[in-house]
């Protein structure tokens, strides 16, 4: 495998002569298998050879001894080669060196791979309310994403109780709960406070049901009042949409992929997770249809495949999508080659909105979903039709996205030059 990257036999011999030559070659094979560029291999192998020499000078004879030397090696590397660099450049070099060594150890040392995995945050209140999260899953039927939100807010509550010395849930009182909510109100925005209060109310009702607290304390938790018509939707005009699409460089594979993603978002009003979950089987080229199966609330939708969207997807499939047995439609451009996540989809939308200098609050994939809905509202479609199109169960959900005729109000605000009497 080394001969694929290094032309000179002497270079290959020098790598294999290292006492960690076999792990290095195994790691190079892993990089190749996962689609890393040759420049990454050529940059990382010399670092690993020097790491092997550094470890040998300090008496290491077994591969299991290497993880303990990583920090010292990074420090030595910076001292020997980065003495005149500024702090930001030194941090960047240190990150590159550390990543190369740590990744090789994870690939070649199974025990190190298990130890280096970031531990998941434990569920809060496992002693005082051990059945709460099972209650959320089994009785309330919540999805894991929703349960994670409960864990996030209740972990903060658990930390607060520990900080004030309240270690018995049975001693909870209105003053304690009010003080916690007031403290969080200085940190969270209105939407996050609504989520926190909702999680806290459900938790307190569960404690009362289980007999942990004597009375139902959930009634004293009052979430902030949020009004559906208080804010404008995060939509952009159709001219801004065109400007965004024009800045995409479709000559490159990543540009072809991103252009298809943006068209899907703005044409059908899809969510980022729905785009990320699309597969090759969802494209019915014969009938010119697009199936969206992984929708919110388990909905399934079938759209006519727009010629513009179909051509963009076809261009990506022909000259952009990596060769893989995985049936997902969109893949990461950089190694390792994995299906694009919903975070990645939203990041690409945000990237092009900023690149086109389009001012929008919280730029992301939902901005284009708003733009799609607003465009349909401006075209005069009924809210029920629009809701069915974008996957809403009720017209009230659509109203949240299409609260006002933004462009019409702008014209009213600008006026026609007449003076009011």
Protein backbone atom coordinates (compact mmCIF):
# COMPACT_ATOMS: atom_id res chain seq x y z
CA UNK A 1 0.00 0.00 0.00
CA UNK A 2 2.87 2.40 0.71
CA UNK A 3 4.16 2.03 -2.85
CA UNK A 4 0.95 3.63 -4.06
CA UNK A 5 1.97 6.95 -2.49
CA UNK A 6 5.78 6.94 -2.31
CA UNK A 7 7.80 6.58 -5.52
CA UNK A 8 11.23 6.04 -4.00
CA UNK A 9 11.81 2.54 -2.59
CA UNK A 10 14.11 4.04 0.03
CA UNK A 11 11.21 6.05 1.44
CA UNK A 12 9.05 2.93 1.69
CA UNK A 13 11.91 1.05 3.34
CA UNK A 14 12.39 3.85 5.87
CA UNK A 15 8.72 3.76 6.85
CA UNK A 16 8.71 -0.03 7.22
CA UNK A 17 11.95 0.07 9.20
CA UNK A 18 10.19 2.00 11.96
CA UNK A 19 9.23 -0.23 14.87
CA UNK A 20 5.62 0.90 14.28
CA UNK A 21 5.92 0.38 10.52
CA UNK A 22 3.15 -2.24 10.40
CA UNK A 23 0.60 -0.05 12.23
CA UNK A 24 1.50 2.85 9.95
CA UNK A 25 0.94 0.73 6.85
CA UNK A 26 -2.33 -0.57 8.28
CA UNK A 27 -3.41 3.03 8.89
CA UNK A 28 -2.48 4.02 5.32
CA UNK A 29 -4.71 1.22 4.07
CA UNK A 30 -7.55 2.52 6.22
CA UNK A 31 -7.10 6.04 4.84
CA UNK A 32 -7.21 4.69 1.30
CA UNK A 33 -10.30 2.61 1.99
CA UNK A 34 -12.13 5.63 3.38
CA UNK A 35 -11.31 7.86 0.42
CA UNK A 36 -8.74 10.22 1.95
CA UNK A 37 -6.77 12.26 -0.57
CA UNK A 38 -3.15 11.37 -1.30
CA UNK A 39 -1.97 14.69 0.15
CA UNK A 40 -3.36 13.63 3.54
CA UNK A 41 -1.41 10.39 3.44
CA UNK A 42 1.79 12.14 2.39
CA UNK A 43 1.41 14.67 5.20
CA UNK A 44 0.58 12.19 7.97
CA UNK A 45 3.06 9.37 7.36
CA UNK A 46 6.19 11.48 8.13
CA UNK A 47 4.53 12.62 11.38
CA UNK A 48 3.88 9.01 12.37
CA UNK A 49 7.45 7.91 11.57
CA UNK A 50 8.78 10.70 13.78
CA UNK A 51 6.32 9.72 16.49
CA UNK A 52 7.68 6.17 16.38
CA UNK A 53 11.25 7.45 16.77
CA UNK A 54 10.18 9.78 19.59
CA UNK A 55 8.49 6.90 21.44
CA UNK A 56 11.50 4.61 20.96
CA UNK A 57 13.84 7.25 22.43
CA UNK A 58 11.67 7.24 25.54
CA UNK A 59 11.81 3.50 25.97
CA UNK A 60 8.53 2.44 24.39
CA UNK A 61 8.63 -1.14 23.12
CA UNK A 62 4.93 -2.00 22.90
CA UNK A 63 2.20 -0.34 20.92
CA UNK A 64 0.03 -0.10 24.02
CA UNK A 65 2.50 2.39 25.50
CA UNK A 66 2.03 4.90 22.69
CA UNK A 67 -1.17 6.71 23.83
CA UNK A 68 0.59 8.00 26.95
CA UNK A 69 3.25 9.73 24.81
CA UNK A 70 0.98 11.70 22.48
CA UNK A 71 0.92 14.91 24.55
CA UNK A 72 4.69 14.94 24.98
CA UNK A 73 5.20 14.33 21.26
CA UNK A 74 2.94 17.24 20.27
CA UNK A 75 4.77 19.53 22.69
CA UNK A 76 8.14 18.43 21.33
CA UNK A 77 6.97 18.94 17.74
CA UNK A 78 5.85 22.49 18.45
CA UNK A 79 9.07 23.34 20.29
CA UNK A 80 11.29 22.02 17.48
CA UNK A 81 9.37 23.35 14.44
CA UNK A 82 7.01 26.15 15.45
CA UNK A 83 9.05 28.43 17.65
CA UNK A 84 8.38 31.63 15.65
CA UNK A 85 4.70 31.00 14.97
CA UNK A 86 1.88 32.89 16.61
CA UNK A 87 -0.57 31.21 18.97
CA UNK A 88 -3.32 30.56 16.36
CA UNK A 89 -0.87 28.96 13.92
CA UNK A 90 0.64 26.83 16.71
CA UNK A 91 -2.79 25.58 17.71
CA UNK A 92 -3.55 24.62 14.11
CA UNK A 93 -0.27 22.70 13.77
CA UNK A 94 -0.79 20.98 17.12
CA UNK A 95 -4.29 19.90 16.08
CA UNK A 96 -3.02 18.41 12.81
CA UNK A 97 -0.20 16.49 14.51
CA UNK A 98 -2.43 15.21 17.28
CA UNK A 99 -5.20 14.15 14.90
CA UNK A 100 -2.77 12.10 12.78
CA UNK A 101 -1.37 10.22 15.78
CA UNK A 102 -4.68 9.76 17.57
CA UNK A 103 -6.44 8.52 14.45
CA UNK A 104 -3.71 5.96 13.77
CA UNK A 105 -3.99 4.70 17.36
CA UNK A 106 -7.77 4.41 17.11
CA UNK A 107 -7.46 2.42 13.88
CA UNK A 108 -4.69 0.08 15.02
CA UNK A 109 -5.39 -0.23 18.76
CA UNK A 110 -8.94 -1.50 19.47
CA UNK A 111 -8.59 -0.85 23.20
CA UNK A 112 -7.55 2.75 22.54
CA UNK A 113 -10.47 3.23 20.15
CA UNK A 114 -12.89 2.14 22.87
CA UNK A 115 -11.23 4.32 25.52
CA UNK A 116 -11.11 7.41 23.31
CA UNK A 117 -14.81 7.41 22.46
CA UNK A 118 -16.54 10.45 23.88
CA UNK A 119 -18.77 9.17 26.68
CA UNK A 120 -22.46 9.92 26.39
CA UNK A 121 -23.79 12.18 29.11
CA UNK A 122 -25.60 10.07 31.67
CA UNK A 123 -29.31 10.54 32.28
CA UNK A 124 -29.99 12.98 35.12
CA UNK A 125 -31.73 11.92 38.35
CA UNK A 126 -30.92 8.24 37.89
CA UNK A 127 -31.15 7.78 41.68
CA UNK A 128 -34.14 9.94 42.56
CA UNK A 129 -36.27 9.16 39.47
CA UNK A 130 -34.73 6.14 37.73
CA UNK A 131 -37.79 5.33 35.61
CA UNK A 132 -38.39 8.79 34.15
CA UNK A 133 -36.65 8.33 30.81
CA UNK A 134 -38.18 4.88 30.37
CA UNK A 135 -41.53 6.62 30.99
CA UNK A 136 -40.77 9.10 28.19
CA UNK A 137 -39.89 6.29 25.78
CA UNK A 138 -42.46 3.65 26.66
CA UNK A 139 -45.52 5.55 27.87
CA UNK A 140 -45.26 8.88 26.10
CA UNK A 141 -43.63 7.41 22.97
CA UNK A 142 -41.19 10.27 22.48
CA UNK A 143 -38.42 10.10 19.92
CA UNK A 144 -34.79 10.01 21.00
CA UNK A 145 -34.23 13.57 19.77
CA UNK A 146 -37.00 14.82 22.07
CA UNK A 147 -35.67 12.74 24.97
CA UNK A 148 -32.26 14.33 24.49
CA UNK A 149 -33.85 17.75 24.98
CA UNK A 150 -35.35 16.54 28.26
CA UNK A 151 -31.94 15.29 29.32
CA UNK A 152 -30.30 18.61 28.45
CA UNK A 153 -32.70 20.69 30.51
CA UNK A 154 -32.97 18.30 33.45
CA UNK A 155 -29.21 17.91 33.63
CA UNK A 156 -29.05 21.64 34.19
CA UNK A 157 -31.72 21.34 36.88
CA UNK A 158 -29.79 18.53 38.55
CA UNK A 159 -26.64 20.65 38.58
CA UNK A 160 -28.56 23.55 40.13
CA UNK A 161 -29.94 21.36 42.92
CA UNK A 162 -26.49 19.99 43.62
CA UNK A 163 -25.09 23.52 43.76
CA UNK A 164 -27.60 24.68 46.36
CA UNK A 165 -27.28 21.48 48.39
CA UNK A 166 -30.74 20.05 47.64
CA UNK A 167 -30.06 16.32 47.24
CA UNK A 168 -33.57 14.99 47.99
CA UNK A 169 -36.24 15.44 45.31
CA UNK A 170 -38.86 15.10 48.03
CA UNK A 171 -37.74 18.44 49.47
CA UNK A 172 -38.49 20.40 46.28
CA UNK A 173 -40.48 23.54 46.92
CA UNK A 174 -41.94 26.47 44.92
CA UNK A 175 -39.12 28.85 45.98
CA UNK A 176 -36.46 26.41 44.71
CA UNK A 177 -38.24 25.92 41.40
CA UNK A 178 -38.88 29.64 40.93
CA UNK A 179 -35.25 30.49 41.65
CA UNK A 180 -34.08 27.92 39.08
CA UNK A 181 -36.42 29.23 36.39
CA UNK A 182 -35.37 32.81 37.08
CA UNK A 183 -31.70 31.86 36.81
CA UNK A 184 -32.25 30.13 33.46
CA UNK A 185 -34.26 33.08 32.16
CA UNK A 186 -31.07 35.12 32.20
CA UNK A 187 -29.33 32.57 29.96
CA UNK A 188 -31.96 31.12 27.60
CA UNK A 189 -34.13 32.86 25.05
CA UNK A 190 -37.94 32.64 25.04
CA UNK A 191 -38.10 29.52 22.87
CA UNK A 192 -35.53 27.63 24.96
CA UNK A 193 -37.30 28.73 28.16
CA UNK A 194 -40.52 27.25 26.81
CA UNK A 195 -38.74 23.94 26.26
CA UNK A 196 -37.17 24.03 29.72
CA UNK A 197 -40.47 24.79 31.46
CA UNK A 198 -42.24 22.07 29.48
CA UNK A 199 -39.59 19.47 30.44
CA UNK A 200 -39.71 20.57 34.06
CA UNK A 201 -43.50 20.34 34.21
CA UNK A 202 -43.51 16.81 32.79
CA UNK A 203 -40.79 15.79 35.24
CA UNK A 204 -42.64 17.24 38.23
CA UNK A 205 -45.90 15.52 37.23
CA UNK A 206 -44.01 12.25 37.00
CA UNK A 207 -42.52 12.76 40.48
CA UNK A 208 -45.99 13.37 41.88
CA UNK A 209 -47.38 10.28 40.18
CA UNK A 210 -44.56 8.17 41.59
CA UNK A 211 -45.06 9.56 45.09
CA UNK A 212 -41.66 11.25 45.25
CA UNK A 213 -43.26 14.64 46.00
CA UNK A 214 -46.45 15.09 47.97
CA UNK A 215 -48.18 17.56 45.67
CA UNK A 216 -48.14 18.40 41.99
CA UNK A 217 -45.61 21.22 41.69
CA UNK A 218 -45.89 21.44 37.92
CA UNK A 219 -48.66 24.02 38.18
CA UNK A 220 -46.33 26.67 39.55
CA UNK A 221 -44.07 26.49 36.46
CA UNK A 222 -45.31 29.14 34.05
CA UNK A 223 -43.61 29.16 30.63
CA UNK A 224 -43.10 32.50 28.88
CA UNK A 225 -45.89 33.67 26.62
CA UNK A 226 -45.00 33.24 22.96
CA UNK A 227 -47.27 34.70 20.31
CA UNK A 228 -47.41 33.11 16.91
CA UNK A 229 -47.63 36.43 15.10
CA UNK A 230 -44.93 38.15 17.15
CA UNK A 231 -42.09 37.61 14.65
CA UNK A 232 -41.70 37.59 10.91
CA UNK A 233 -40.80 34.30 9.21
CA UNK A 234 -37.19 33.77 8.17
CA UNK A 235 -38.05 33.81 4.47
CA UNK A 236 -36.17 35.48 1.65
CA UNK A 237 -37.51 36.77 -1.64
CA UNK A 238 -37.30 34.88 -4.89
CA UNK A 239 -34.68 37.28 -6.23
CA UNK A 240 -32.50 36.44 -3.23
CA UNK A 241 -33.04 32.74 -3.93
CA UNK A 242 -31.78 33.23 -7.48
CA UNK A 243 -28.77 35.16 -6.18
CA UNK A 244 -27.94 32.34 -3.82
CA UNK A 245 -28.16 29.72 -6.56
CA UNK A 246 -25.94 31.80 -8.85
CA UNK A 247 -23.00 31.74 -6.40
CA UNK A 248 -22.82 27.94 -6.47
CA UNK A 249 -19.86 26.74 -8.54
CA UNK A 250 -21.39 23.81 -10.44
CA UNK A 251 -18.11 22.97 -12.18
CA UNK A 252 -16.89 21.14 -9.06
CA UNK A 253 -18.43 17.93 -7.65
CA UNK A 254 -19.26 19.60 -4.33
CA UNK A 255 -20.97 22.43 -6.20
CA UNK A 256 -23.11 20.02 -8.20
CA UNK A 257 -24.13 18.29 -4.98
CA UNK A 258 -24.93 21.53 -3.18
CA UNK A 259 -26.89 22.93 -6.13
CA UNK A 260 -29.15 19.87 -6.12
CA UNK A 261 -29.61 20.16 -2.34
CA UNK A 262 -30.54 23.83 -2.50
CA UNK A 263 -33.07 23.20 -5.28
CA UNK A 264 -34.71 20.43 -3.25
CA UNK A 265 -34.96 22.70 -0.21
CA UNK A 266 -36.45 25.67 -2.02
CA UNK A 267 -38.61 23.82 -4.58
CA UNK A 268 -40.35 21.38 -2.25
CA UNK A 269 -39.82 23.07 1.12
CA UNK A 270 -38.14 19.96 2.47
CA UNK A 271 -36.56 19.82 5.89
CA UNK A 272 -32.82 19.19 6.19
CA UNK A 273 -33.39 15.70 7.63
CA UNK A 274 -35.69 14.82 4.72
CA UNK A 275 -33.01 15.78 2.19
CA UNK A 276 -30.32 13.89 4.12
CA UNK A 277 -32.48 10.74 4.22
CA UNK A 278 -33.17 10.63 0.48
CA UNK A 279 -31.94 7.50 -1.28
CA UNK A 280 -31.52 6.42 -4.88
CA UNK A 281 -34.71 4.38 -4.49
CA UNK A 282 -36.69 7.57 -3.86
CA UNK A 283 -36.08 8.77 -7.42
CA UNK A 284 -38.64 7.34 -9.84
CA UNK A 285 -37.11 8.45 -13.13
CA UNK A 286 -39.63 6.52 -15.25
CA UNK A 287 -42.67 8.28 -13.75
CA UNK A 288 -40.74 11.47 -12.94
CA UNK A 289 -41.57 11.37 -9.25
CA UNK A 290 -39.73 12.08 -6.02
CA UNK A 291 -40.65 10.06 -2.92
CA UNK A 292 -40.01 11.62 0.49
CA UNK A 293 -40.44 8.83 3.02
CA UNK A 294 -38.64 10.02 6.18
CA UNK A 295 -41.00 12.87 7.03
CA UNK A 296 -42.00 14.33 10.35
CA UNK A 297 -44.90 12.47 12.01
CA UNK A 298 -44.17 9.48 9.72
CA UNK A 299 -45.76 11.13 6.68
CA UNK A 300 -44.89 9.99 3.16
CA UNK A 301 -45.08 12.38 0.22
CA UNK A 302 -44.78 11.95 -3.53
CA UNK A 303 -43.85 14.98 -5.64
CA UNK A 304 -43.60 15.42 -9.39
CA UNK A 305 -39.90 15.58 -10.16
CA UNK A 306 -39.23 19.06 -11.50
CA UNK A 307 -37.07 19.04 -14.66
CA UNK A 308 -34.67 21.57 -13.10
CA UNK A 309 -34.31 19.51 -9.94
CA UNK A 310 -34.00 16.28 -11.91
CA UNK A 311 -31.25 17.69 -14.11
CA UNK A 312 -29.33 18.93 -11.06
CA UNK A 313 -29.56 15.55 -9.35
CA UNK A 314 -28.55 13.75 -12.53
CA UNK A 315 -25.50 16.00 -12.95
CA UNK A 316 -24.44 15.16 -9.39
CA UNK A 317 -24.98 11.43 -9.91
CA UNK A 318 -22.91 11.45 -13.09
CA UNK A 319 -20.07 13.72 -11.98
CA UNK A 320 -20.08 14.15 -8.23
CA UNK A 321 -21.45 11.27 -6.19
CA UNK A 322 -18.76 8.79 -5.06
CA UNK A 323 -18.92 5.18 -6.15
CA UNK A 324 -20.40 3.33 -3.20
CA UNK A 325 -22.85 0.54 -2.43
CA UNK A 326 -24.66 2.82 0.04
CA UNK A 327 -28.03 3.87 -1.36
CA UNK A 328 -28.10 7.33 0.23
CA UNK A 329 -28.30 10.10 -2.35
CA UNK A 330 -25.97 12.74 -0.91
CA UNK A 331 -22.49 12.13 0.51
CA UNK A 332 -19.81 14.11 2.23
CA UNK A 333 -17.28 15.58 -0.17
CA UNK A 334 -14.32 15.13 2.19
CA UNK A 335 -13.11 11.85 3.63
CA UNK A 336 -14.31 9.71 5.22
CA UNK A 337 -17.03 9.20 2.63
CA UNK A 338 -20.26 8.99 4.58
CA UNK A 339 -23.85 10.03 3.88
CA UNK A 340 -24.43 13.71 4.46
CA UNK A 341 -26.18 14.43 7.75
CA UNK A 342 -29.01 16.91 8.30
CA UNK A 343 -26.51 19.20 10.04
CA UNK A 344 -24.41 19.12 6.89
CA UNK A 345 -27.40 20.00 4.71
CA UNK A 346 -28.25 22.98 6.89
CA UNK A 347 -24.62 24.12 6.97
CA UNK A 348 -24.43 24.11 3.17
CA UNK A 349 -27.57 26.26 2.94
CA UNK A 350 -26.13 28.67 5.51
CA UNK A 351 -22.82 28.78 3.62
CA UNK A 352 -24.39 29.90 0.35
CA UNK A 353 -26.74 32.40 2.00
CA UNK A 354 -23.73 34.09 3.58
CA UNK A 355 -21.69 33.78 0.39
CA UNK A 356 -24.42 35.61 -1.52
CA UNK A 357 -24.53 38.33 1.17
CA UNK A 358 -28.19 37.70 1.88
CA UNK A 359 -29.08 39.14 5.30
CA UNK A 360 -31.23 36.69 7.23
CA UNK A 361 -31.64 35.79 10.87
CA UNK A 362 -30.36 32.29 11.68
CA UNK A 363 -29.46 31.35 8.12
CA UNK A 364 -29.94 27.68 7.34
CA UNK A 365 -32.06 25.13 5.53
CA UNK A 366 -35.26 26.34 7.22
CA UNK A 367 -34.72 29.74 5.61
CA UNK A 368 -35.30 28.10 2.23
CA UNK A 369 -38.29 26.18 3.57
CA UNK A 370 -39.77 29.50 4.67
CA UNK A 371 -39.00 30.96 1.23
CA UNK A 372 -40.84 28.09 -0.46
CA UNK A 373 -43.93 28.53 1.74
CA UNK A 374 -43.91 32.31 1.35
CA UNK A 375 -43.65 31.94 -2.43
CA UNK A 376 -46.71 29.67 -2.44
CA UNK A 377 -48.61 32.09 -0.18
CA UNK A 378 -47.79 35.00 -2.49
CA UNK A 379 -48.99 32.90 -5.43
CA UNK A 380 -52.42 32.63 -3.78
CA UNK A 381 -52.50 28.93 -2.86
CA UNK A 382 -54.80 27.97 0.07
CA UNK A 383 -53.07 27.26 3.38
CA UNK A 384 -54.41 23.69 3.41
CA UNK A 385 -52.83 23.02 0.02
CA UNK A 386 -49.55 24.56 1.12
CA UNK A 387 -49.60 22.57 4.37
CA UNK A 388 -50.08 19.32 2.47
CA UNK A 389 -47.27 20.28 0.11
CA UNK A 390 -44.68 20.89 2.82
CA UNK A 391 -45.86 18.16 5.19
CA UNK A 392 -47.98 19.87 7.84
CA UNK A 393 -50.79 18.09 9.63
CA UNK A 394 -52.88 21.23 10.21
CA UNK A 395 -53.32 24.65 8.65
CA UNK A 396 -52.29 26.26 11.95
CA UNK A 397 -48.78 24.90 11.45
CA UNK A 398 -48.66 26.51 8.03
CA UNK A 399 -49.72 29.84 9.49
CA UNK A 400 -46.55 29.86 11.57
CA UNK A 401 -44.49 29.81 8.39
CA UNK A 402 -46.68 32.17 6.42
CA UNK A 403 -47.85 34.71 8.97
CA UNK A 404 -47.90 37.76 6.73
CA UNK A 405 -47.56 38.77 3.10
CA UNK A 406 -44.08 40.16 3.57
CA UNK A 407 -43.56 41.60 0.10
CA UNK A 408 -46.99 43.27 0.10
CA UNK A 409 -46.32 44.92 3.44
CA UNK A 410 -42.99 46.15 2.16
CA UNK A 411 -44.76 47.88 -0.71
CA UNK A 412 -47.22 49.45 1.74
CA UNK A 413 -44.36 50.61 3.95
CA UNK A 414 -42.52 52.17 1.01
CA UNK A 415 -45.68 53.92 -0.20
CA UNK A 416 -46.22 55.63 -3.54
CA UNK A 417 -44.98 59.10 -2.57
CA UNK A 418 -48.36 60.48 -1.48
CA UNK A 419 -48.54 62.47 1.72
CA UNK A 420 -51.06 61.56 4.37
CA UNK A 421 -53.56 64.40 5.06
